[in-house]
Amino acid sequence: ALGVSADWGSITISDDGDAKEVVLENSRLKCTYSRYRTRHYYTTADQTVITELINKTAGNTDQVAGEALDAQARTFEFDRGLLTTAEIIRDGDDHKTVRMYWDNGLACIQDVTIYPDKAFIRIDYHRYYRLISDLGSAGGDANVWYAIHGSADWTPSVVGGNTYRLIHPRSYWRPSLHNHDADAGSLNYNGFLVMASYNRGSGQGWGRVMPISDLAMVKLMWMRGFEWFPNERLSDPYHEFTGYLFLGTGAEDGLLAAGRQVADFAATAGPMDAVMIPRNFQAARAFRVMGVNRLTDGDLLVSVSTPMVSRIRIYALNGRLVRSIPGTDRCVYRVPTAKLGGGTYVLTVTGANKIFRKAIMVIQ
């Protein structure tokens, strides 16, 4: 183990090939961040996620059971990747905290905290991707259902008399697109969403407590989890926020009572620890392809939002690379395509921080 804290609980950091594995444990739970092939998400790349969340007071049952909690994705081509660095930053009598860096901090930075005899973890999101995805197996199998605070009165999302039928890819709460209350209406518990997935046989499960003011929307994932979309504030695109993952028993009533207790705790919890943000992260978040235009001589003019291009490539549909242009510190690139034969090609633009964009183009 590379880093260990002990006494009432422990945080253990160890090597997992080219990644790190982190285990947080107290008298009530065991939470493991480790490598996972994200088959249920946007790519098939390995990602470090919560692969184990054990409720020690409910038969040591794993609430993840082969799925993944706290996964993240930026685009359809780009997941968060592997955890490259982790360090224990708090090791006290009242809490222990590990700071975790994905892609050396250029992708995501999170602090995860455990408390003595508490069946929840706190996650401070210093840096994160477009969506946070939780997909579990409450009680260890697929016999699951939702428990959502205020769902009985959540009339904007009722479909056929059942609010839970409005599942992925639809949004359960999304005020920017639907006629939903900006403060989440009946779903609002003292400024938080309290949502859980529980096993209809054993009554045990897991859930989330998330701050409404820091979210743009939430989607229900087939009774087994949630997708959370943090607000993307243009004036402060990396605003930090805190969420919680909790365990419970007692089916809907028990899980919601446990979640509300966590929300009450969150309302009085202390501030998150400060973190240094790599200076090129602002440009990395803003990087995108602004336009691809055909010039009169047949070449392409590719413009990007920030001068962070690593390489521009053009592929034939059979996967053959036909053009490769190295990136520089420019925002506009001339890509020679005048001599390409007519047909359909894939143009990809890779940012200096592995951010990936692609476009399909037809050349006549």
Protein backbone atom coordinates (compact mmCIF):
# COMPACT_ATOMS: atom_id res chain seq x y z
CA ALA A 1 0.00 0.00 0.00
CA LEU A 2 1.30 3.45 -0.91
CA GLY A 3 -0.75 5.39 1.64
CA VAL A 4 -2.72 4.15 4.65
CA SER A 5 -4.67 5.85 7.42
CA ALA A 6 -6.10 3.84 10.31
CA ASP A 7 -7.78 4.05 13.78
CA TRP A 8 -11.59 4.35 13.39
CA GLY A 9 -11.34 3.94 9.61
CA SER A 10 -8.83 3.62 6.82
CA ILE A 11 -7.93 4.90 3.38
CA THR A 12 -5.60 2.63 1.41
CA ILE A 13 -3.90 3.64 -1.83
CA SER A 14 -2.21 0.99 -3.98
CA ASP A 15 -0.88 0.49 -7.50
CA ASP A 16 -3.03 -1.13 -10.18
CA GLY A 17 -0.72 -1.31 -13.17
CA ASP A 18 -0.71 2.15 -14.75
CA ALA A 19 -3.43 3.37 -12.38
CA LYS A 20 -4.17 3.71 -8.67
CA GLU A 21 -6.71 1.88 -6.54
CA VAL A 22 -8.24 3.55 -3.48
CA VAL A 23 -10.21 1.84 -0.69
CA LEU A 24 -12.09 3.84 1.97
CA GLU A 25 -13.45 1.92 4.94
CA ASN A 26 -15.12 2.52 8.31
CA SER A 27 -17.45 0.51 10.57
CA ARG A 28 -20.42 0.99 8.24
CA LEU A 29 -19.10 0.80 4.70
CA LYS A 30 -16.32 -0.12 2.32
CA CYS A 31 -15.89 1.90 -0.88
CA THR A 32 -13.42 0.90 -3.60
CA TYR A 33 -12.30 3.00 -6.57
CA SER A 34 -10.65 0.70 -9.12
CA ARG A 35 -10.34 -0.06 -12.83
CA TYR A 36 -13.52 -0.83 -14.75
CA ARG A 37 -14.25 -1.41 -18.43
CA THR A 38 -17.10 1.05 -18.94
CA ARG A 39 -19.33 -1.13 -21.08
CA HIS A 40 -22.49 0.69 -20.01
CA TYR A 41 -21.22 4.17 -20.76
CA TYR A 42 -19.98 6.09 -23.77
CA THR A 43 -16.80 4.23 -24.65
CA THR A 44 -15.21 0.87 -23.91
CA ALA A 45 -12.09 2.44 -22.39
CA ASP A 46 -10.97 1.57 -18.87
CA GLN A 47 -12.02 4.09 -16.24
CA THR A 48 -11.42 4.29 -12.50
CA VAL A 49 -14.82 4.31 -10.81
CA ILE A 50 -16.49 2.99 -7.67
CA THR A 51 -16.55 -0.75 -8.31
CA GLU A 52 -17.52 -1.76 -4.78
CA LEU A 53 -19.78 -0.15 -2.16
CA ILE A 54 -20.38 -2.58 0.69
CA ASN A 55 -22.96 -2.08 3.42
CA LYS A 56 -21.35 -3.72 6.44
CA THR A 57 -24.54 -3.58 8.51
CA ALA A 58 -26.64 -5.34 5.87
CA GLY A 59 -24.84 -8.64 5.38
CA ASN A 60 -21.77 -7.06 3.77
CA THR A 61 -23.74 -6.78 0.54
CA ASP A 62 -22.10 -5.01 -2.37
CA GLN A 63 -24.48 -2.40 -3.81
CA VAL A 64 -22.48 -2.13 -7.04
CA ALA A 65 -22.12 -5.83 -7.92
CA GLY A 66 -20.38 -5.59 -11.29
CA GLU A 67 -21.62 -2.14 -12.26
CA ALA A 68 -20.06 1.29 -11.63
CA LEU A 69 -20.82 4.34 -9.50
CA ASP A 70 -19.32 7.80 -9.90
CA ALA A 71 -18.29 7.25 -13.52
CA GLN A 72 -17.89 10.33 -15.72
CA ALA A 73 -17.93 11.18 -19.41
CA ARG A 74 -17.24 14.31 -21.44
CA THR A 75 -18.42 13.21 -24.89
CA PHE A 76 -19.43 10.06 -26.75
CA GLU A 77 -15.72 9.49 -27.48
CA PHE A 78 -14.17 10.55 -24.20
CA ASP A 79 -14.57 9.11 -20.71
CA ARG A 80 -12.69 10.20 -17.60
CA GLY A 81 -10.00 7.52 -17.87
CA LEU A 82 -7.78 6.12 -15.12
CA LEU A 83 -6.86 7.44 -11.70
CA THR A 84 -3.19 8.39 -11.93
CA THR A 85 -2.48 10.00 -8.55
CA ALA A 86 -3.99 9.82 -5.06
CA GLU A 87 -2.92 11.22 -1.71
CA ILE A 88 -4.39 11.32 1.80
CA ILE A 89 -4.86 14.99 2.70
CA ARG A 90 -6.87 14.62 5.93
CA ASP A 91 -6.41 11.95 8.59
CA GLY A 92 -8.23 13.21 11.66
CA ASP A 93 -10.46 12.03 14.46
CA ASP A 94 -13.63 13.28 12.74
CA HIS A 95 -12.94 12.61 9.05
CA LYS A 96 -10.42 11.24 6.57
CA THR A 97 -10.03 12.54 3.01
CA VAL A 98 -8.24 11.30 -0.09
CA ARG A 99 -7.56 13.57 -3.07
CA MET A 100 -7.68 11.81 -6.43
CA TYR A 101 -6.43 12.95 -9.83
CA TRP A 102 -7.50 11.47 -13.15
CA ASP A 103 -4.99 12.02 -15.98
CA ASN A 104 -2.70 13.84 -13.52
CA GLY A 105 -5.42 16.37 -12.81
CA LEU A 106 -6.03 17.40 -16.41
CA ALA A 107 -9.21 15.34 -16.53
CA CYS A 108 -10.81 15.33 -13.06
CA ILE A 109 -9.94 16.09 -9.45
CA GLN A 110 -12.06 14.87 -6.53
CA ASP A 111 -11.77 14.70 -2.75
CA VAL A 112 -13.56 11.74 -1.15
CA THR A 113 -14.21 11.77 2.60
CA ILE A 114 -15.38 9.20 5.16
CA TYR A 115 -16.58 9.83 8.72
CA PRO A 116 -16.62 7.68 11.88
CA ASP A 117 -19.59 5.28 11.93
CA LYS A 118 -21.36 7.04 9.04
CA ALA A 119 -22.87 5.12 6.12
CA PHE A 120 -22.07 7.73 3.50
CA ILE A 121 -19.16 9.32 1.67
CA ARG A 122 -18.71 12.94 0.70
CA ILE A 123 -17.37 13.75 -2.79
CA ASP A 124 -16.00 17.21 -3.51
CA TYR A 125 -15.97 17.73 -7.26
CA HIS A 126 -13.15 20.20 -7.95
CA ARG A 127 -13.03 19.28 -11.62
CA TYR A 128 -15.35 17.01 -13.50
CA TYR A 129 -16.76 16.07 -16.88
CA ARG A 130 -20.11 16.80 -18.47
CA LEU A 131 -22.01 14.04 -16.72
CA ILE A 132 -21.66 11.88 -13.62
CA SER A 133 -23.13 8.41 -14.02
CA ASP A 134 -24.20 6.02 -11.25
CA LEU A 135 -25.37 2.55 -12.19
CA GLY A 136 -25.58 -0.01 -9.38
CA SER A 137 -27.19 -3.26 -8.28
CA ALA A 138 -28.95 -2.40 -5.02
CA GLY A 139 -29.01 -5.42 -2.74
CA GLY A 140 -26.75 -7.30 -5.13
CA ASP A 141 -29.21 -8.07 -7.93
CA ALA A 142 -31.55 -6.50 -10.49
CA ASN A 143 -34.78 -6.60 -8.43
CA VAL A 144 -34.64 -2.86 -7.86
CA TRP A 145 -36.86 0.21 -7.68
CA TYR A 146 -36.53 3.93 -7.07
CA ALA A 147 -37.01 5.99 -3.92
CA ILE A 148 -37.12 9.72 -4.69
CA HIS A 149 -38.01 12.42 -2.21
CA GLY A 150 -41.11 14.31 -3.37
CA SER A 151 -41.79 12.07 -6.39
CA ALA A 152 -45.48 11.58 -5.53
CA ASP A 153 -46.12 15.28 -6.16
CA TRP A 154 -43.74 15.67 -9.11
CA THR A 155 -46.54 16.22 -11.64
CA PRO A 156 -44.49 17.71 -14.54
CA SER A 157 -42.90 14.32 -15.16
CA VAL A 158 -45.90 12.04 -14.69
CA VAL A 159 -46.31 9.62 -17.59
CA GLY A 160 -49.26 7.28 -17.36
CA GLY A 161 -49.59 8.09 -13.65
CA ASN A 162 -46.07 6.83 -12.87
CA THR A 163 -43.31 9.38 -12.47
CA TYR A 164 -40.64 6.67 -12.73
CA ARG A 165 -41.61 5.84 -16.32
CA LEU A 166 -39.82 8.99 -17.45
CA ILE A 167 -36.46 7.25 -17.67
CA HIS A 168 -33.28 7.59 -19.73
CA PRO A 169 -32.85 9.07 -22.31
CA ARG A 170 -35.61 11.40 -21.10
CA SER A 171 -34.85 13.84 -18.31
CA TYR A 172 -36.58 13.50 -14.95
CA TRP A 173 -35.79 17.09 -14.04
CA ARG A 174 -34.51 19.61 -16.58
CA PRO A 175 -35.78 23.17 -16.16
CA SER A 176 -33.87 24.56 -19.15
CA LEU A 177 -35.83 22.41 -21.62
CA HIS A 178 -39.02 21.29 -19.91
CA ASN A 179 -41.63 23.10 -17.87
CA HIS A 180 -39.92 22.05 -14.65
CA ASP A 181 -39.49 24.18 -11.56
CA ALA A 182 -35.99 25.64 -11.44
CA ASP A 183 -35.83 24.80 -7.73
CA ALA A 184 -37.07 21.24 -8.47
CA GLY A 185 -40.43 21.83 -6.81
CA SER A 186 -41.58 18.92 -4.67
CA LEU A 187 -38.25 17.15 -5.27
CA ASN A 188 -36.45 19.85 -3.30
CA TYR A 189 -35.40 18.83 0.20
CA ASN A 190 -33.70 21.86 1.76
CA GLY A 191 -31.85 22.58 -1.48
CA PHE A 192 -30.94 18.98 -2.32
CA LEU A 193 -32.20 16.15 -4.48
CA VAL A 194 -32.49 12.92 -2.46
CA MET A 195 -32.67 9.90 -4.76
CA ALA A 196 -32.00 6.21 -4.17
CA SER A 197 -32.23 2.77 -5.73
CA TYR A 198 -33.30 -0.09 -3.46
CA ASN A 199 -33.83 -3.84 -3.66
CA ARG A 200 -37.49 -4.81 -3.51
CA GLY A 201 -36.62 -8.10 -1.84
CA SER A 202 -34.16 -7.12 0.89
CA GLY A 203 -35.04 -3.42 1.13
CA GLN A 204 -31.39 -2.36 1.14
CA GLY A 205 -29.88 0.04 -1.34
CA TRP A 206 -27.83 3.14 -2.05
CA GLY A 207 -28.53 6.71 -3.02
CA ARG A 208 -27.32 10.20 -3.81
CA VAL A 209 -27.75 13.59 -2.20
CA MET A 210 -26.94 16.32 -4.73
CA PRO A 211 -27.23 20.14 -4.55
CA ILE A 212 -29.96 21.46 -6.85
CA SER A 213 -28.23 24.79 -7.48
CA ASP A 214 -25.23 22.98 -8.99
CA LEU A 215 -27.21 20.75 -11.38
CA ALA A 216 -28.66 21.33 -14.83
CA MET A 217 -30.62 18.06 -15.06
CA VAL A 218 -30.90 14.48 -13.83
CA LYS A 219 -31.91 11.30 -15.66
CA LEU A 220 -33.15 8.00 -14.26
CA MET A 221 -31.17 4.95 -15.39
CA TRP A 222 -33.63 2.04 -15.66
CA MET A 223 -34.39 1.77 -11.91
CA ARG A 224 -30.69 1.10 -11.23
CA GLY A 225 -29.15 4.53 -11.04
CA PHE A 226 -28.88 8.10 -12.25
CA GLU A 227 -27.10 10.48 -14.60
CA TRP A 228 -26.26 13.86 -13.11
CA PHE A 229 -25.42 16.85 -15.30
CA PRO A 230 -23.67 19.64 -13.38
CA ASN A 231 -24.41 23.23 -14.33
CA GLU A 232 -22.02 24.63 -16.91
CA ARG A 233 -21.79 28.25 -15.88
CA LEU A 234 -20.14 30.23 -18.63
CA SER A 235 -18.78 32.79 -16.18
CA ASP A 236 -17.34 30.11 -13.89
CA PRO A 237 -17.14 26.88 -15.89
CA TYR A 238 -15.27 24.93 -13.25
CA HIS A 239 -17.36 25.84 -10.22
CA GLU A 240 -16.80 23.29 -7.50
CA PHE A 241 -19.60 21.46 -5.68
CA THR A 242 -20.17 18.64 -3.21
CA GLY A 243 -22.31 15.52 -3.49
CA TYR A 244 -22.88 12.50 -1.27
CA LEU A 245 -23.32 8.74 -1.76
CA PHE A 246 -25.14 6.92 1.02
CA LEU A 247 -26.26 3.42 2.05
CA GLY A 248 -29.47 2.35 3.73
CA THR A 249 -32.07 -0.28 4.46
CA GLY A 250 -35.84 -0.31 4.96
CA ALA A 251 -36.87 0.05 1.29
CA GLU A 252 -38.33 3.39 0.17
CA ASP A 253 -39.08 4.86 3.59
CA GLY A 254 -35.77 3.77 5.10
CA LEU A 255 -33.64 4.95 2.15
CA LEU A 256 -35.33 8.34 1.98
CA ALA A 257 -34.99 8.84 5.73
CA ALA A 258 -31.28 8.02 5.47
CA GLY A 259 -30.86 10.37 2.52
CA ARG A 260 -32.60 13.25 4.28
CA GLN A 261 -30.30 12.76 7.27
CA VAL A 262 -27.31 13.07 4.93
CA ALA A 263 -28.81 16.23 3.42
CA ASP A 264 -29.20 17.68 6.91
CA PHE A 265 -25.55 16.86 7.57
CA ALA A 266 -24.53 18.43 4.24
CA ALA A 267 -26.30 21.67 5.11
CA THR A 268 -23.96 22.20 8.05
CA ALA A 269 -20.80 20.51 6.72
CA GLY A 270 -17.59 22.51 6.47
CA PRO A 271 -16.11 23.87 3.23
CA MET A 272 -14.08 21.74 0.87
CA ASP A 273 -10.28 21.80 0.92
CA ALA A 274 -8.65 24.14 -1.59
CA VAL A 275 -6.96 22.60 -4.62
CA MET A 276 -4.51 23.95 -7.17
CA ILE A 277 -5.95 23.82 -10.71
CA PRO A 278 -3.44 23.19 -13.54
CA ARG A 279 -3.26 26.43 -15.52
CA ASN A 280 -4.08 24.83 -18.88
CA PHE A 281 -7.32 23.29 -17.62
CA GLN A 282 -9.38 26.38 -18.49
CA ALA A 283 -8.35 26.12 -22.13
CA ALA A 284 -8.85 22.36 -22.04
CA ARG A 285 -12.48 22.68 -20.93
CA ALA A 286 -13.17 25.30 -23.59
CA PHE A 287 -11.51 23.40 -26.45
CA ARG A 288 -13.89 22.64 -29.31
CA VAL A 289 -14.01 22.66 -33.09
CA MET A 290 -15.63 25.92 -34.19
CA GLY A 291 -15.93 25.24 -37.91
CA VAL A 292 -14.84 23.18 -40.92
CA ASN A 293 -15.11 25.06 -44.22
CA ARG A 294 -14.19 24.17 -47.83
CA LEU A 295 -11.97 26.67 -49.63
CA THR A 296 -12.24 27.45 -53.33
CA ASP A 297 -9.11 25.41 -54.10
CA GLY A 298 -10.60 22.34 -52.39
CA ASP A 299 -8.65 22.42 -49.12
CA LEU A 300 -10.33 22.56 -45.71
CA LEU A 301 -10.11 25.39 -43.21
CA VAL A 302 -10.50 24.05 -39.65
CA SER A 303 -10.95 26.50 -36.78
CA VAL A 304 -10.80 25.65 -33.08
CA SER A 305 -11.67 27.63 -29.96
CA THR A 306 -8.26 27.53 -28.28
CA PRO A 307 -4.70 26.98 -29.61
CA MET A 308 -4.34 23.54 -28.08
CA VAL A 309 -4.44 21.22 -31.08
CA SER A 310 -2.26 18.13 -30.91
CA ARG A 311 -3.09 16.70 -34.34
CA ILE A 312 -5.69 16.82 -37.12
CA ARG A 313 -6.34 13.59 -38.99
CA ILE A 314 -8.53 12.48 -41.88
CA TYR A 315 -9.57 8.84 -42.20
CA ALA A 316 -11.30 6.91 -44.95
CA LEU A 317 -14.36 4.98 -43.79
CA ASN A 318 -12.34 1.76 -43.81
CA GLY A 319 -10.10 3.27 -41.12
CA ARG A 320 -7.14 4.11 -43.38
CA LEU A 321 -5.34 7.31 -42.41
CA VAL A 322 -5.14 9.61 -45.45
CA ARG A 323 -4.00 12.92 -43.91
CA SER A 324 -2.24 13.88 -40.67
CA ILE A 325 -1.47 17.48 -39.71
CA PRO A 326 0.51 18.25 -36.53
CA GLY A 327 -0.91 20.89 -34.21
CA THR A 328 0.74 24.17 -33.32
CA ASP A 329 -0.30 27.21 -31.31
CA ARG A 330 -2.78 28.41 -33.95
CA CYS A 331 -6.59 28.44 -33.89
CA VAL A 332 -6.99 28.05 -37.69
CA TYR A 333 -5.55 25.24 -39.82
CA ARG A 334 -5.43 24.66 -43.55
CA VAL A 335 -5.81 20.94 -44.24
CA PRO A 336 -4.85 19.80 -47.77
CA THR A 337 -7.74 17.82 -49.19
CA ALA A 338 -7.88 19.10 -52.78
CA LYS A 339 -6.32 15.89 -54.09
CA LEU A 340 -8.51 13.51 -52.10
CA GLY A 341 -10.90 11.44 -54.15
CA GLY A 342 -14.62 12.01 -53.77
CA GLY A 343 -16.32 10.19 -50.93
CA THR A 344 -17.05 10.27 -47.21
CA TYR A 345 -14.24 10.84 -44.70
CA VAL A 346 -13.89 11.26 -40.94
CA LEU A 347 -12.01 14.31 -39.70
CA THR A 348 -10.70 14.18 -36.12
CA VAL A 349 -9.17 16.95 -34.05
CA THR A 350 -7.30 15.98 -30.89
CA GLY A 351 -6.55 18.59 -28.24
CA ALA A 352 -3.29 18.83 -26.35
CA ASN A 353 -4.99 17.33 -23.30
CA LYS A 354 -6.42 14.33 -25.17
CA ILE A 355 -9.79 16.00 -25.71
CA PHE A 356 -11.20 14.53 -28.90
CA ARG A 357 -13.60 15.96 -31.48
CA LYS A 358 -14.68 14.45 -34.78
CA ALA A 359 -16.78 15.41 -37.79
CA ILE A 360 -18.07 13.46 -40.79
CA MET A 361 -17.46 15.20 -44.10
CA VAL A 362 -18.39 14.39 -47.70
CA ILE A 363 -16.02 15.47 -50.48
CA GLN A 364 -17.55 15.54 -53.93
